[in-house]
């Protein structure tokens, strides 16, 4: 059985939207880490972001048709978000423009080099998606992805839950909780919403940090196994530089992360997510049978290794600058040459 095409650059395509990503669109405002805490003047650098926003761009850079479902402000920052999506060839046909502010997520790296976040988004456009905003024709999608704080902040959370329930069984449903306690500090709300989504989810990915926040008293494997028993077809736990674990009903594997001179980890998880979904839809489109029935150890390892390689590229540069398909293929080819 051929799990995925040997050449990542060879992309199968179908007409219409293949991937629809549901979630927030915002500006990450980076605080210069070299500025002392007592400074009275602090320079900022703003970059477009939001985990789902990044995933949609990442899928497009891989050569896919991608669309974003979110609320975007009619303010000047919202106009910038729309223009970035247009430039990245991400469809905005499902974006709802709102007379509400744009979310700002401030980012500062802690002593361990990991990003700390604080969000200013109460009543913002991406938290204001109503049920009517998602009552659209998504029949062209092969995959519907949900993620981050948009699954817990009403009314967006309720609208996206209704959308997942409506589309379950018709296309691959994916979830990345991407916990943001600075947006919703009550972790029980996160746990409750994730458990509701699990009824419809085919694929779930989360980081080891998210796992420890959500289920501090449980073994990660036990949580993942429970989700598989509830109908999830693929569960993935990422562990940063320590790689990732991928579990299906058939098998489970651990993959390592390539050695990388890490510049910034922002966007690494989103890159892994984009590659993961890209590969699963590739499976869904081939003639080897149902995609979930192909997830044996070899297939899981191939998918996980490609996703980890893609994430390492993002970590080698500043910000959520997700790689193109050609960049990933070039990196894979260099790795093969060194190994050979």
Foldseek 3Di string as FASTA:
>chain_A
DDLFDPFLLDADADPDAAEEEEAAKAKEKEWPQVDDPPDPDTDIDIDIDDLSLLLQLLLLLQVHAYEYAFEFEPDPVSVVSVVVCVVSNHDDPLYHYDPFAGKYWYWYADPVRAIDIAIDAVRGGRLEDALVSLPDDPLRYQEYEYEEPLCQRPPSVVNVLVVLVVCAPSHAYEYEHNYDCNVPVPLVSSVVSVVSSLLRHQEYEYEPVVVCVNCVPDDPVVVVVVSQVNPHAWYKYAYPQQFIWIDGPAEIDGEGADDAPFDHQAQLVSQLVSLLVSSLVSQCPDDPDHSSVSPHPVSVHVSRHLSRLQSRVCRNDPHNPGHHSVVSSVSVVVVVVVVD
